[in-house]
Amino acid sequence: MSMPLSKLEKFFYIDKLVIHSLDLALYQVSVFVDGEEHFVTDDKGKFLRAHSILELQKQCRNLKANKQVLRQQSAYDEMVGQPSRSGTNELEVLLKDNDLY
């Protein structure tokens, strides 16, 4: 499910803002609102993506998020031939927006 940034800016608060690390230097944003994850889009419906975390923090600076994290999933298990797991090996690191943009 997705939601435009302009609509999210009107919310009183957002549970969690997640910056997904997709590839080398490519990031995408999702948010948790009332326990449901929504990918953030622009007004044309295109997913918010950028080549730096700071750029996404700048675009999302008007969102009132209780928590902000960077999420990365590793392909390490697959690369070394480990059997499939029922769980995930994703890593979430707490971020803080220091207004460095």
PDB file of N, CA and C in Angstrom:
ATOM      1  N   MET A   1       0.839  -1.163   0.000  1.00  0.00           N
ATOM      2  CA  MET A   1       0.000   0.000   0.000  1.00  0.00           C
ATOM      3  C   MET A   1       0.896   1.243   0.000  1.00  0.00           C
ATOM      4  N   SER A   2       0.445   2.315  -0.615  1.00  0.00           N
ATOM      5  CA  SER A   2       1.235   3.544  -0.674  1.00  0.00           C
ATOM      6  C   SER A   2       0.385   4.737  -0.253  1.00  0.00           C
ATOM      7  N   MET A   3       1.080   5.831   0.092  1.00  0.00           N
ATOM      8  CA  MET A   3       0.401   7.041   0.524  1.00  0.00           C
ATOM      9  C   MET A   3       1.254   8.245   0.113  1.00  0.00           C
ATOM     10  N   PRO A   4       0.625   9.293  -0.420  1.00  0.00           N
ATOM     11  CA  PRO A   4       1.407  10.459  -0.838  1.00  0.00           C
ATOM     12  C   PRO A   4       1.988  11.242   0.349  1.00  0.00           C
ATOM     13  N   LEU A   5       3.163  11.797   0.135  1.00  0.00           N
ATOM     14  CA  LEU A   5       3.850  12.584   1.157  1.00  0.00           C
ATOM     15  C   LEU A   5       2.986  13.753   1.622  1.00  0.00           C
ATOM     16  N   SER A   6       2.305  14.406   0.704  1.00  0.00           N
ATOM     17  CA  SER A   6       1.471  15.566   1.060  1.00  0.00           C
ATOM     18  C   SER A   6       0.361  15.187   2.047  1.00  0.00           C
ATOM     19  N   LYS A   7      -0.181  13.987   1.922  1.00  0.00           N
ATOM     20  CA  LYS A   7      -1.218  13.526   2.859  1.00  0.00           C
ATOM     21  C   LYS A   7      -0.601  13.196   4.216  1.00  0.00           C
ATOM     22  N   LEU A   8       0.578  12.560   4.197  1.00  0.00           N
ATOM     23  CA  LEU A   8       1.244  12.187   5.447  1.00  0.00           C
ATOM     24  C   LEU A   8       1.660  13.409   6.261  1.00  0.00           C
ATOM     25  N   GLU A   9       1.973  14.510   5.585  1.00  0.00           N
ATOM     26  CA  GLU A   9       2.383  15.733   6.290  1.00  0.00           C
ATOM     27  C   GLU A   9       1.250  16.311   7.130  1.00  0.00           C
ATOM     28  N   LYS A  10       0.018  15.907   6.867  1.00  0.00           N
ATOM     29  CA  LYS A  10      -1.137  16.405   7.616  1.00  0.00           C
ATOM     30  C   LYS A  10      -1.444  15.557   8.849  1.00  0.00           C
ATOM     31  N   PHE A  11      -0.783  14.398   8.994  1.00  0.00           N
ATOM     32  CA  PHE A  11      -1.021  13.522  10.138  1.00  0.00           C
ATOM     33  C   PHE A  11      -0.441  14.159  11.408  1.00  0.00           C
ATOM     34  N   PHE A  12      -1.068  13.877  12.545  1.00  0.00           N
ATOM     35  CA  PHE A  12      -0.550  14.364  13.821  1.00  0.00           C
ATOM     36  C   PHE A  12       0.781  13.704  14.144  1.00  0.00           C
ATOM     37  N   TYR A  13       0.869  12.405  13.934  1.00  0.00           N
ATOM     38  CA  TYR A  13       2.121  11.694  14.151  1.00  0.00           C
ATOM     39  C   TYR A  13       2.138  10.431  13.306  1.00  0.00           C
ATOM     40  N   ILE A  14       3.347   9.937  13.084  1.00  0.00           N
ATOM     41  CA  ILE A  14       3.577   8.689  12.360  1.00  0.00           C
ATOM     42  C   ILE A  14       4.366   7.794  13.298  1.00  0.00           C
ATOM     43  N   ASP A  15       3.979   6.530  13.400  1.00  0.00           N
ATOM     44  CA  ASP A  15       4.648   5.620  14.328  1.00  0.00           C
ATOM     45  C   ASP A  15       6.141   5.493  14.025  1.00  0.00           C
ATOM     46  N   LYS A  16       6.456   5.209  12.760  1.00  0.00           N
ATOM     47  CA  LYS A  16       7.861   4.987  12.403  1.00  0.00           C
ATOM     48  C   LYS A  16       8.081   5.323  10.941  1.00  0.00           C
ATOM     49  N   LEU A  17       9.190   6.023  10.656  1.00  0.00           N
ATOM     50  CA  LEU A  17       9.614   6.305   9.297  1.00  0.00           C
ATOM     51  C   LEU A  17      10.779   5.363   8.996  1.00  0.00           C
ATOM     52  N   VAL A  18      10.667   4.597   7.919  1.00  0.00           N
ATOM     53  CA  VAL A  18      11.684   3.605   7.558  1.00  0.00           C
ATOM     54  C   VAL A  18      12.340   4.012   6.247  1.00  0.00           C
ATOM     55  N   ILE A  19      13.664   4.130   6.274  1.00  0.00           N
ATOM     56  CA  ILE A  19      14.425   4.367   5.052  1.00  0.00           C
ATOM     57  C   ILE A  19      15.035   3.027   4.664  1.00  0.00           C
ATOM     58  N   HIS A  20      14.596   2.493   3.533  1.00  0.00           N
ATOM     59  CA  HIS A  20      15.058   1.185   3.066  1.00  0.00           C
ATOM     60  C   HIS A  20      16.317   1.358   2.224  1.00  0.00           C
ATOM     61  N   SER A  21      17.344   0.585   2.538  1.00  0.00           N
ATOM     62  CA  SER A  21      18.551   0.561   1.714  1.00  0.00           C
ATOM     63  C   SER A  21      18.326  -0.500   0.643  1.00  0.00           C
ATOM     64  N   LEU A  22      18.111  -0.063  -0.606  1.00  0.00           N
ATOM     65  CA  LEU A  22      17.777  -0.988  -1.687  1.00  0.00           C
ATOM     66  C   LEU A  22      19.011  -1.531  -2.391  1.00  0.00           C
ATOM     67  N   ASP A  23      19.945  -0.648  -2.683  1.00  0.00           N
ATOM     68  CA  ASP A  23      21.132  -1.025  -3.446  1.00  0.00           C
ATOM     69  C   ASP A  23      22.211  -0.011  -3.120  1.00  0.00           C
ATOM     70  N   LEU A  24      23.454  -0.340  -3.370  1.00  0.00           N
ATOM     71  CA  LEU A  24      24.608   0.509  -3.055  1.00  0.00           C
ATOM     72  C   LEU A  24      24.249   1.879  -2.488  1.00  0.00           C
ATOM     73  N   ALA A  25      23.749   2.780  -3.286  1.00  0.00           N
ATOM     74  CA  ALA A  25      23.380   4.114  -2.801  1.00  0.00           C
ATOM     75  C   ALA A  25      21.993   4.475  -3.317  1.00  0.00           C
ATOM     76  N   LEU A  26      21.030   3.616  -3.056  1.00  0.00           N
ATOM     77  CA  LEU A  26      19.652   3.882  -3.448  1.00  0.00           C
ATOM     78  C   LEU A  26      18.748   3.575  -2.258  1.00  0.00           C
ATOM     79  N   TYR A  27      17.933   4.547  -1.899  1.00  0.00           N
ATOM     80  CA  TYR A  27      17.090   4.436  -0.713  1.00  0.00           C
ATOM     81  C   TYR A  27      15.645   4.767  -1.063  1.00  0.00           C
ATOM     82  N   GLN A  28      14.720   4.167  -0.308  1.00  0.00           N
ATOM     83  CA  GLN A  28      13.284   4.367  -0.509  1.00  0.00           C
ATOM     84  C   GLN A  28      12.630   4.474   0.862  1.00  0.00           C
ATOM     85  N   VAL A  29      11.502   5.173   0.945  1.00  0.00           N
ATOM     86  CA  VAL A  29      10.881   5.460   2.241  1.00  0.00           C
ATOM     87  C   VAL A  29       9.528   4.769   2.402  1.00  0.00           C
ATOM     88  N   SER A  30       9.293   4.273   3.612  1.00  0.00           N
ATOM     89  CA  SER A  30       7.959   3.812   3.995  1.00  0.00           C
ATOM     90  C   SER A  30       7.679   4.334   5.398  1.00  0.00           C
ATOM     91  N   VAL A  31       6.414   4.294   5.785  1.00  0.00           N
ATOM     92  CA  VAL A  31       6.018   4.730   7.122  1.00  0.00           C
ATOM     93  C   VAL A  31       5.056   3.704   7.720  1.00  0.00           C
ATOM     94  N   PHE A  32       5.029   3.650   9.040  1.00  0.00           N
ATOM     95  CA  PHE A  32       4.045   2.844   9.750  1.00  0.00           C
ATOM     96  C   PHE A  32       3.033   3.791  10.371  1.00  0.00           C
ATOM     97  N   VAL A  33       1.770   3.608   9.996  1.00  0.00           N
ATOM     98  CA  VAL A  33       0.670   4.397  10.543  1.00  0.00           C
ATOM     99  C   VAL A  33      -0.367   3.414  11.058  1.00  0.00           C
ATOM    100  N   ASP A  34      -0.676   3.498  12.329  1.00  0.00           N
ATOM    101  CA  ASP A  34      -1.642   2.589  12.972  1.00  0.00           C
ATOM    102  C   ASP A  34      -1.293   1.128  12.714  1.00  0.00           C
ATOM    103  N   GLY A  35       0.000   0.790  12.769  1.00  0.00           N
ATOM    104  CA  GLY A  35       0.452  -0.590  12.629  1.00  0.00           C
ATOM    105  C   GLY A  35       0.550  -1.102  11.209  1.00  0.00           C
ATOM    106  N   GLU A  36       0.218  -0.281  10.218  1.00  0.00           N
ATOM    107  CA  GLU A  36       0.294  -0.701   8.813  1.00  0.00           C
ATOM    108  C   GLU A  36       1.419   0.040   8.110  1.00  0.00           C
ATOM    109  N   GLU A  37       2.162  -0.690   7.265  1.00  0.00           N
ATOM    110  CA  GLU A  37       3.254  -0.074   6.522  1.00  0.00           C
ATOM    111  C   GLU A  37       2.738   0.454   5.185  1.00  0.00           C
ATOM    112  N   HIS A  38       3.117   1.688   4.860  1.00  0.00           N
ATOM    113  CA  HIS A  38       2.746   2.342   3.607  1.00  0.00           C
ATOM    114  C   HIS A  38       4.010   2.894   2.964  1.00  0.00           C
ATOM    115  N   PHE A  39       4.204   2.639   1.683  1.00  0.00           N
ATOM    116  CA  PHE A  39       5.322   3.260   0.982  1.00  0.00           C
ATOM    117  C   PHE A  39       4.933   4.688   0.638  1.00  0.00           C
ATOM    118  N   VAL A  40       5.892   5.592   0.750  1.00  0.00           N
ATOM    119  CA  VAL A  40       5.641   7.017   0.535  1.00  0.00           C
ATOM    120  C   VAL A  40       5.844   7.342  -0.943  1.00  0.00           C
ATOM    121  N   THR A  41       4.889   8.095  -1.499  1.00  0.00           N
ATOM    122  CA  THR A  41       4.955   8.488  -2.908  1.00  0.00           C
ATOM    123  C   THR A  41       4.890  10.011  -3.018  1.00  0.00           C
ATOM    124  N   ASP A  42       5.221  10.505  -4.208  1.00  0.00           N
ATOM    125  CA  ASP A  42       4.986  11.922  -4.482  1.00  0.00           C
ATOM    126  C   ASP A  42       3.533  12.065  -4.939  1.00  0.00           C
ATOM    127  N   ASP A  43       3.137  13.262  -5.329  1.00  0.00           N
ATOM    128  CA  ASP A  43       1.736  13.483  -5.721  1.00  0.00           C
ATOM    129  C   ASP A  43       1.360  12.801  -7.031  1.00  0.00           C
ATOM    130  N   LYS A  44       2.348  12.357  -7.796  1.00  0.00           N
ATOM    131  CA  LYS A  44       2.086  11.644  -9.052  1.00  0.00           C
ATOM    132  C   LYS A  44       2.052  10.129  -8.855  1.00  0.00           C
ATOM    133  N   GLY A  45       2.253   9.667  -7.608  1.00  0.00           N
ATOM    134  CA  GLY A  45       2.211   8.242  -7.320  1.00  0.00           C
ATOM    135  C   GLY A  45       3.543   7.528  -7.468  1.00  0.00           C
ATOM    136  N   LYS A  46       4.627   8.269  -7.694  1.00  0.00           N
ATOM    137  CA  LYS A  46       5.956   7.671  -7.848  1.00  0.00           C
ATOM    138  C   LYS A  46       6.605   7.534  -6.470  1.00  0.00           C
ATOM    139  N   PHE A  47       7.177   6.345  -6.190  1.00  0.00           N
ATOM    140  CA  PHE A  47       7.819   6.109  -4.895  1.00  0.00           C
ATOM    141  C   PHE A  47       8.923   7.124  -4.643  1.00  0.00           C
ATOM    142  N   LEU A  48       9.009   7.613  -3.391  1.00  0.00           N
ATOM    143  CA  LEU A  48      10.090   8.522  -3.024  1.00  0.00           C
ATOM    144  C   LEU A  48      11.377   7.721  -2.936  1.00  0.00           C
ATOM    145  N   ARG A  49      12.342   8.071  -3.766  1.00  0.00           N
ATOM    146  CA  ARG A  49      13.647   7.413  -3.782  1.00  0.00           C
ATOM    147  C   ARG A  49      14.720   8.476  -3.909  1.00  0.00           C
ATOM    148  N   ALA A  50      15.902   8.175  -3.386  1.00  0.00           N
ATOM    149  CA  ALA A  50      17.027   9.106  -3.493  1.00  0.00           C
ATOM    150  C   ALA A  50      18.324   8.322  -3.369  1.00  0.00           C
ATOM    151  N   HIS A  51      19.416   9.000  -3.710  1.00  0.00           N
ATOM    152  CA  HIS A  51      20.733   8.373  -3.634  1.00  0.00           C
ATOM    153  C   HIS A  51      21.456   8.704  -2.336  1.00  0.00           C
ATOM    154  N   SER A  52      20.768   9.345  -1.397  1.00  0.00           N
ATOM    155  CA  SER A  52      21.369   9.587  -0.082  1.00  0.00           C
ATOM    156  C   SER A  52      20.278   9.621   0.984  1.00  0.00           C
ATOM    157  N   ILE A  53      20.653   9.214   2.176  1.00  0.00           N
ATOM    158  CA  ILE A  53      19.728   9.238   3.309  1.00  0.00           C
ATOM    159  C   ILE A  53      19.346  10.678   3.626  1.00  0.00           C
ATOM    160  N   LEU A  54      20.322  11.582   3.556  1.00  0.00           N
ATOM    161  CA  LEU A  54      20.051  12.992   3.857  1.00  0.00           C
ATOM    162  C   LEU A  54      19.007  13.592   2.925  1.00  0.00           C
ATOM    163  N   GLU A  55      19.045  13.213   1.665  1.00  0.00           N
ATOM    164  CA  GLU A  55      18.060  13.732   0.709  1.00  0.00           C
ATOM    165  C   GLU A  55      16.647  13.288   1.099  1.00  0.00           C
ATOM    166  N   LEU A  56      16.502  12.031   1.514  1.00  0.00           N
ATOM    167  CA  LEU A  56      15.178  11.555   1.941  1.00  0.00           C
ATOM    168  C   LEU A  56      14.752  12.222   3.244  1.00  0.00           C
ATOM    169  N   GLN A  57      15.699  12.422   4.165  1.00  0.00           N
ATOM    170  CA  GLN A  57      15.358  13.121   5.402  1.00  0.00           C
ATOM    171  C   GLN A  57      14.886  14.546   5.097  1.00  0.00           C
ATOM    172  N   LYS A  58      15.515  15.180   4.123  1.00  0.00           N
ATOM    173  CA  LYS A  58      15.118  16.534   3.731  1.00  0.00           C
ATOM    174  C   LYS A  58      13.696  16.534   3.164  1.00  0.00           C
ATOM    175  N   GLN A  59      13.393  15.564   2.297  1.00  0.00           N
ATOM    176  CA  GLN A  59      12.055  15.484   1.701  1.00  0.00           C
ATOM    177  C   GLN A  59      10.984  15.186   2.750  1.00  0.00           C
ATOM    178  N   CYS A  60      11.355  14.446   3.794  1.00  0.00           N
ATOM    179  CA  CYS A  60      10.393  14.019   4.823  1.00  0.00           C
ATOM    180  C   CYS A  60      10.472  14.871   6.088  1.00  0.00           C
ATOM    181  N   ARG A  61      11.133  16.018   6.031  1.00  0.00           N
ATOM    182  CA  ARG A  61      11.364  16.823   7.236  1.00  0.00           C
ATOM    183  C   ARG A  61      10.077  17.320   7.895  1.00  0.00           C
ATOM    184  N   ASN A  62       8.973  17.397   7.160  1.00  0.00           N
ATOM    185  CA  ASN A  62       7.714  17.871   7.746  1.00  0.00           C
ATOM    186  C   ASN A  62       6.861  16.750   8.331  1.00  0.00           C
ATOM    187  N   LEU A  63       7.337  15.508   8.250  1.00  0.00           N
ATOM    188  CA  LEU A  63       6.608  14.390   8.853  1.00  0.00           C
ATOM    189  C   LEU A  63       6.936  14.326  10.338  1.00  0.00           C
ATOM    190  N   LYS A  64       5.933  14.095  11.138  1.00  0.00           N
ATOM    191  CA  LYS A  64       6.127  14.007  12.587  1.00  0.00           C
ATOM    192  C   LYS A  64       6.237  12.531  12.964  1.00  0.00           C
ATOM    193  N   ALA A  65       7.436  11.978  12.822  1.00  0.00           N
ATOM    194  CA  ALA A  65       7.655  10.554  13.088  1.00  0.00           C
ATOM    195  C   ALA A  65       8.181  10.359  14.506  1.00  0.00           C
ATOM    196  N   ASN A  66       7.609   9.399  15.222  1.00  0.00           N
ATOM    197  CA  ASN A  66       8.087   9.073  16.565  1.00  0.00           C
ATOM    198  C   ASN A  66       9.468   8.437  16.532  1.00  0.00           C
ATOM    199  N   LYS A  67       9.746   7.707  15.453  1.00  0.00           N
ATOM    200  CA  LYS A  67      11.016   6.996  15.332  1.00  0.00           C
ATOM    201  C   LYS A  67      11.403   6.966  13.866  1.00  0.00           C
ATOM    202  N   GLN A  68      12.720   6.999  13.603  1.00  0.00           N
ATOM    203  CA  GLN A  68      13.229   6.946  12.236  1.00  0.00           C
ATOM    204  C   GLN A  68      14.336   5.895  12.192  1.00  0.00           C
ATOM    205  N   VAL A  69      14.234   4.950  11.240  1.00  0.00           N
ATOM    206  CA  VAL A  69      15.220   3.869  11.162  1.00  0.00           C
ATOM    207  C   VAL A  69      15.692   3.658   9.727  1.00  0.00           C
ATOM    208  N   LEU A  70      16.883   3.084   9.622  1.00  0.00           N
ATOM    209  CA  LEU A  70      17.417   2.617   8.347  1.00  0.00           C
ATOM    210  C   LEU A  70      17.271   1.107   8.353  1.00  0.00           C
ATOM    211  N   ARG A  71      16.667   0.545   7.307  1.00  0.00           N
ATOM    212  CA  ARG A  71      16.448  -0.907   7.222  1.00  0.00           C
ATOM    213  C   ARG A  71      17.235  -1.473   6.050  1.00  0.00           C
ATOM    214  N   GLN A  72      17.976  -2.542   6.334  1.00  0.00           N
ATOM    215  CA  GLN A  72      18.748  -3.201   5.283  1.00  0.00           C
ATOM    216  C   GLN A  72      18.581  -4.710   5.405  1.00  0.00           C
ATOM    217  N   GLN A  73      18.368  -5.347   4.273  1.00  0.00           N
ATOM    218  CA  GLN A  73      18.315  -6.803   4.228  1.00  0.00           C
ATOM    219  C   GLN A  73      19.584  -7.291   3.548  1.00  0.00           C
ATOM    220  N   SER A  74      20.184  -8.303   4.123  1.00  0.00           N
ATOM    221  CA  SER A  74      21.446  -8.810   3.597  1.00  0.00           C
ATOM    222  C   SER A  74      21.218 -10.058   2.752  1.00  0.00           C
ATOM    223  N   ALA A  75      21.980 -10.152   1.674  1.00  0.00           N
ATOM    224  CA  ALA A  75      21.936 -11.345   0.823  1.00  0.00           C
ATOM    225  C   ALA A  75      23.043 -12.318   1.210  1.00  0.00           C
ATOM    226  N   TYR A  76      23.678 -12.096   2.359  1.00  0.00           N
ATOM    227  CA  TYR A  76      24.820 -12.903   2.769  1.00  0.00           C
ATOM    228  C   TYR A  76      24.475 -14.389   2.848  1.00  0.00           C
ATOM    229  N   ASP A  77      23.364 -14.727   3.505  1.00  0.00           N
ATOM    230  CA  ASP A  77      22.989 -16.140   3.656  1.00  0.00           C
ATOM    231  C   ASP A  77      22.885 -16.828   2.301  1.00  0.00           C
ATOM    232  N   GLU A  78      22.274 -16.153   1.356  1.00  0.00           N
ATOM    233  CA  GLU A  78      22.122 -16.703   0.009  1.00  0.00           C
ATOM    234  C   GLU A  78      23.483 -16.852  -0.681  1.00  0.00           C
ATOM    235  N   MET A  79      24.356 -15.867  -0.486  1.00  0.00           N
ATOM    236  CA  MET A  79      25.669 -15.890  -1.148  1.00  0.00           C
ATOM    237  C   MET A  79      26.547 -17.035  -0.660  1.00  0.00           C
ATOM    238  N   VAL A  80      26.424 -17.404   0.616  1.00  0.00           N
ATOM    239  CA  VAL A  80      27.273 -18.468   1.152  1.00  0.00           C
ATOM    240  C   VAL A  80      26.578 -19.826   1.135  1.00  0.00           C
ATOM    241  N   GLY A  81      25.399 -19.898   0.514  1.00  0.00           N
ATOM    242  CA  GLY A  81      24.722 -21.174   0.330  1.00  0.00           C
ATOM    243  C   GLY A  81      23.977 -21.687   1.543  1.00  0.00           C
ATOM    244  N   GLN A  82      23.574 -20.807   2.448  1.00  0.00           N
ATOM    245  CA  GLN A  82      22.807 -21.223   3.616  1.00  0.00           C
ATOM    246  C   GLN A  82      21.393 -21.623   3.191  1.00  0.00           C
ATOM    247  N   PRO A  83      20.789 -22.573   3.885  1.00  0.00           N
ATOM    248  CA  PRO A  83      19.406 -22.941   3.557  1.00  0.00           C
ATOM    249  C   PRO A  83      18.451 -21.790   3.892  1.00  0.00           C
ATOM    250  N   SER A  84      17.304 -21.798   3.250  1.00  0.00           N
ATOM    251  CA  SER A  84      16.298 -20.755   3.490  1.00  0.00           C
ATOM    252  C   SER A  84      15.811 -20.805   4.926  1.00  0.00           C
ATOM    253  N   ARG A  85      15.543 -19.641   5.474  1.00  0.00           N
ATOM    254  CA  ARG A  85      15.036 -19.543   6.846  1.00  0.00           C
ATOM    255  C   ARG A  85      13.571 -19.123   6.821  1.00  0.00           C
ATOM    256  N   SER A  86      12.898 -19.397   7.905  1.00  0.00           N
ATOM    257  CA  SER A  86      11.510 -18.944   8.007  1.00  0.00           C
ATOM    258  C   SER A  86      11.463 -17.458   8.362  1.00  0.00           C
ATOM    259  N   GLY A  87      12.491 -16.957   9.052  1.00  0.00           N
ATOM    260  CA  GLY A  87      12.546 -15.546   9.435  1.00  0.00           C
ATOM    261  C   GLY A  87      13.329 -14.729   8.426  1.00  0.00           C
ATOM    262  N   THR A  88      13.598 -13.504   8.785  1.00  0.00           N
ATOM    263  CA  THR A  88      14.339 -12.605   7.914  1.00  0.00           C
ATOM    264  C   THR A  88      15.629 -12.176   8.604  1.00  0.00           C
ATOM    265  N   ASN A  89      16.587 -11.743   7.824  1.00  0.00           N
ATOM    266  CA  ASN A  89      17.835 -11.277   8.415  1.00  0.00           C
ATOM    267  C   ASN A  89      17.986  -9.764   8.253  1.00  0.00           C
ATOM    268  N   GLU A  90      16.867  -9.057   8.263  1.00  0.00           N
ATOM    269  CA  GLU A  90      16.942  -7.613   8.093  1.00  0.00           C
ATOM    270  C   GLU A  90      17.465  -6.945   9.360  1.00  0.00           C
ATOM    271  N   LEU A  91      18.127  -5.823   9.137  1.00  0.00           N
ATOM    272  CA  LEU A  91      18.734  -5.055  10.212  1.00  0.00           C
ATOM    273  C   LEU A  91      18.103  -3.669  10.219  1.00  0.00           C
ATOM    274  N   GLU A  92      17.696  -3.199  11.395  1.00  0.00           N
ATOM    275  CA  GLU A  92      17.173  -1.843  11.529  1.00  0.00           C
ATOM    276  C   GLU A  92      18.068  -1.065  12.484  1.00  0.00           C
ATOM    277  N   VAL A  93      18.519   0.103  12.013  1.00  0.00           N
ATOM    278  CA  VAL A  93      19.387   0.967  12.804  1.00  0.00           C
ATOM    279  C   VAL A  93      18.644   2.273  13.053  1.00  0.00           C
ATOM    280  N   LEU A  94      18.572   2.678  14.302  1.00  0.00           N
ATOM    281  CA  LEU A  94      17.897   3.918  14.667  1.00  0.00           C
ATOM    282  C   LEU A  94      18.641   5.113  14.076  1.00  0.00           C
ATOM    283  N   LEU A  95      17.896   6.028  13.448  1.00  0.00           N
ATOM    284  CA  LEU A  95      18.464   7.246  12.866  1.00  0.00           C
ATOM    285  C   LEU A  95      17.909   8.461  13.591  1.00  0.00           C
ATOM    286  N   LYS A  96      18.641   9.554  13.482  1.00  0.00           N
ATOM    287  CA  LYS A  96      18.168  10.837  14.002  1.00  0.00           C
ATOM    288  C   LYS A  96      18.355  11.859  12.901  1.00  0.00           C
ATOM    289  N   ASP A  97      17.353  12.688  12.704  1.00  0.00           N
ATOM    290  CA  ASP A  97      17.453  13.747  11.700  1.00  0.00           C
ATOM    291  C   ASP A  97      18.153  14.941  12.344  1.00  0.00           C
ATOM    292  N   ASN A  98      19.410  15.163  11.964  1.00  0.00           N
ATOM    293  CA  ASN A  98      20.202  16.254  12.535  1.00  0.00           C
ATOM    294  C   ASN A  98      20.144  17.530  11.704  1.00  0.00           C
ATOM    295  N   ASP A  99      19.222  17.611  10.764  1.00  0.00           N
ATOM    296  CA  ASP A  99      19.073  18.787   9.892  1.00  0.00           C
ATOM    297  C   ASP A  99      20.382  19.150   9.190  1.00  0.00           C
ATOM    298  N   LEU A 100      21.072  18.160   8.646  1.00  0.00           N
ATOM    299  CA  LEU A 100      22.351  18.389   7.970  1.00  0.00           C
ATOM    300  C   LEU A 100      22.183  18.793   6.512  1.00  0.00           C
ATOM    301  N   TYR A 101      20.972  18.918   6.026  1.00  0.00           N
ATOM    302  CA  TYR A 101      20.730  19.254   4.628  1.00  0.00           C
ATOM    303  C   TYR A 101      20.680  20.744   4.421  1.00  0.00           C
TER     304      TYR A 101
END
